[in-house]
Amino acid sequence: MVEIALQWFFSIPLALFGALWMYRDAKSRRMETADMWAVGFFVAFFLLPFLGGILVFAFYLRKRNRGGGFAYSVPSE
């Protein structure tokens, strides 16, 4: 079995950096759930060591708005 072991002094700053980047990116794209993505990344990073953070990061990259703004258009009146 393969085990990925990261030291705490390395993993906490890495998780904080990833969560901060995800929060800023989501805010710049005007996503209302920016804080939830950042917290989800940080928590998953430690619940499923390292792999959880990668999974949440990959899922976020697929779900984020590519061009910024809102994901759905507002119908014109």
C-alpha atoms as a PDB file:
ATOM      1  CA  MET A   1       0.000   0.000   0.000  1.00  0.00           C
ATOM      2  CA  VAL A   2       1.273   3.452  -0.893  1.00  0.00           C
ATOM      3  CA  GLU A   3       1.072   6.132   1.761  1.00  0.00           C
ATOM      4  CA  ILE A   4       1.568   9.854   1.246  1.00  0.00           C
ATOM      5  CA  ALA A   5       2.856  11.438   4.442  1.00  0.00           C
ATOM      6  CA  LEU A   6       3.243  15.202   4.753  1.00  0.00           C
ATOM      7  CA  GLN A   7       4.650  16.915   7.800  1.00  0.00           C
ATOM      8  CA  TRP A   8       2.305  19.297   9.620  1.00  0.00           C
ATOM      9  CA  PHE A   9       4.632  22.262   9.131  1.00  0.00           C
ATOM     10  CA  PHE A  10       4.372  21.686   5.370  1.00  0.00           C
ATOM     11  CA  SER A  11       0.749  20.596   5.020  1.00  0.00           C
ATOM     12  CA  ILE A  12      -0.936  23.429   6.975  1.00  0.00           C
ATOM     13  CA  PRO A  13       0.620  26.248   4.890  1.00  0.00           C
ATOM     14  CA  LEU A  14      -0.101  24.263   1.715  1.00  0.00           C
ATOM     15  CA  ALA A  15      -3.761  23.831   2.709  1.00  0.00           C
ATOM     16  CA  LEU A  16      -4.039  27.521   3.655  1.00  0.00           C
ATOM     17  CA  PHE A  17      -2.454  28.603   0.377  1.00  0.00           C
ATOM     18  CA  GLY A  18      -4.825  26.392  -1.635  1.00  0.00           C
ATOM     19  CA  ALA A  19      -7.877  27.600   0.285  1.00  0.00           C
ATOM     20  CA  LEU A  20      -6.826  31.246  -0.062  1.00  0.00           C
ATOM     21  CA  TRP A  21      -6.222  30.877  -3.799  1.00  0.00           C
ATOM     22  CA  MET A  22      -9.566  29.120  -4.272  1.00  0.00           C
ATOM     23  CA  TYR A  23     -11.394  31.830  -2.276  1.00  0.00           C
ATOM     24  CA  ARG A  24      -9.807  34.699  -4.225  1.00  0.00           C
ATOM     25  CA  ASP A  25     -10.416  33.007  -7.566  1.00  0.00           C
ATOM     26  CA  ALA A  26     -14.070  32.306  -6.753  1.00  0.00           C
ATOM     27  CA  LYS A  27     -14.568  35.885  -5.504  1.00  0.00           C
ATOM     28  CA  SER A  28     -13.026  37.316  -8.677  1.00  0.00           C
ATOM     29  CA  ARG A  29     -15.499  35.208 -10.677  1.00  0.00           C
ATOM     30  CA  ARG A  30     -18.356  36.530  -8.502  1.00  0.00           C
ATOM     31  CA  MET A  31     -19.318  33.111  -7.149  1.00  0.00           C
ATOM     32  CA  GLU A  32     -21.565  33.310  -4.093  1.00  0.00           C
ATOM     33  CA  THR A  33     -20.102  30.115  -2.613  1.00  0.00           C
ATOM     34  CA  ALA A  34     -16.457  31.248  -2.516  1.00  0.00           C
ATOM     35  CA  ASP A  35     -16.146  30.779   1.242  1.00  0.00           C
ATOM     36  CA  MET A  36     -17.664  27.290   1.118  1.00  0.00           C
ATOM     37  CA  TRP A  37     -15.197  26.195  -1.568  1.00  0.00           C
ATOM     38  CA  ALA A  38     -12.245  27.436   0.491  1.00  0.00           C
ATOM     39  CA  VAL A  39     -13.433  25.762   3.699  1.00  0.00           C
ATOM     40  CA  GLY A  40     -14.253  22.576   1.789  1.00  0.00           C
ATOM     41  CA  PHE A  41     -10.753  22.494   0.328  1.00  0.00           C
ATOM     42  CA  PHE A  42      -9.108  23.024   3.722  1.00  0.00           C
ATOM     43  CA  VAL A  43     -11.241  20.390   5.490  1.00  0.00           C
ATOM     44  CA  ALA A  44     -10.916  17.817   2.696  1.00  0.00           C
ATOM     45  CA  PHE A  45      -7.161  18.360   2.674  1.00  0.00           C
ATOM     46  CA  PHE A  46      -6.974  16.897   6.184  1.00  0.00           C
ATOM     47  CA  LEU A  47      -9.898  14.463   6.238  1.00  0.00           C
ATOM     48  CA  LEU A  48      -8.618  12.669   3.163  1.00  0.00           C
ATOM     49  CA  PRO A  49      -4.950  13.527   3.540  1.00  0.00           C
ATOM     50  CA  PHE A  50      -3.681  15.455   0.542  1.00  0.00           C
ATOM     51  CA  LEU A  51      -5.792  13.457  -1.921  1.00  0.00           C
ATOM     52  CA  GLY A  52      -8.968  15.108  -0.628  1.00  0.00           C
ATOM     53  CA  GLY A  53      -7.562  18.539  -1.350  1.00  0.00           C
ATOM     54  CA  ILE A  54      -6.651  17.499  -4.874  1.00  0.00           C
ATOM     55  CA  LEU A  55     -10.130  16.073  -5.458  1.00  0.00           C
ATOM     56  CA  VAL A  56     -11.882  19.234  -4.236  1.00  0.00           C
ATOM     57  CA  PHE A  57      -9.479  21.372  -6.282  1.00  0.00           C
ATOM     58  CA  ALA A  58     -10.180  19.366  -9.463  1.00  0.00           C
ATOM     59  CA  PHE A  59     -13.942  19.500  -8.845  1.00  0.00           C
ATOM     60  CA  TYR A  60     -13.740  23.269  -8.288  1.00  0.00           C
ATOM     61  CA  LEU A  61     -11.836  23.801 -11.530  1.00  0.00           C
ATOM     62  CA  ARG A  62     -14.611  21.999 -13.405  1.00  0.00           C
ATOM     63  CA  LYS A  63     -17.442  23.935 -11.705  1.00  0.00           C
ATOM     64  CA  ARG A  64     -16.071  27.481 -11.702  1.00  0.00           C
ATOM     65  CA  ASN A  65     -17.282  30.068 -14.182  1.00  0.00           C
ATOM     66  CA  ARG A  66     -14.734  30.273 -16.978  1.00  0.00           C
ATOM     67  CA  GLY A  67     -15.373  33.846 -18.064  1.00  0.00           C
ATOM     68  CA  GLY A  68     -16.270  35.330 -14.707  1.00  0.00           C
ATOM     69  CA  GLY A  69     -19.659  36.727 -13.852  1.00  0.00           C
ATOM     70  CA  PHE A  70     -22.711  34.642 -13.186  1.00  0.00           C
ATOM     71  CA  ALA A  71     -23.050  31.044 -14.335  1.00  0.00           C
ATOM     72  CA  TYR A  72     -26.586  31.550 -15.623  1.00  0.00           C
ATOM     73  CA  SER A  73     -27.865  34.342 -17.811  1.00  0.00           C
ATOM     74  CA  VAL A  74     -30.718  36.537 -16.679  1.00  0.00           C
ATOM     75  CA  PRO A  75     -33.635  36.562 -19.134  1.00  0.00           C
ATOM     76  CA  SER A  76     -34.296  39.945 -20.697  1.00  0.00           C
ATOM     77  CA  GLU A  77     -37.577  41.690 -20.084  1.00  0.00           C
END
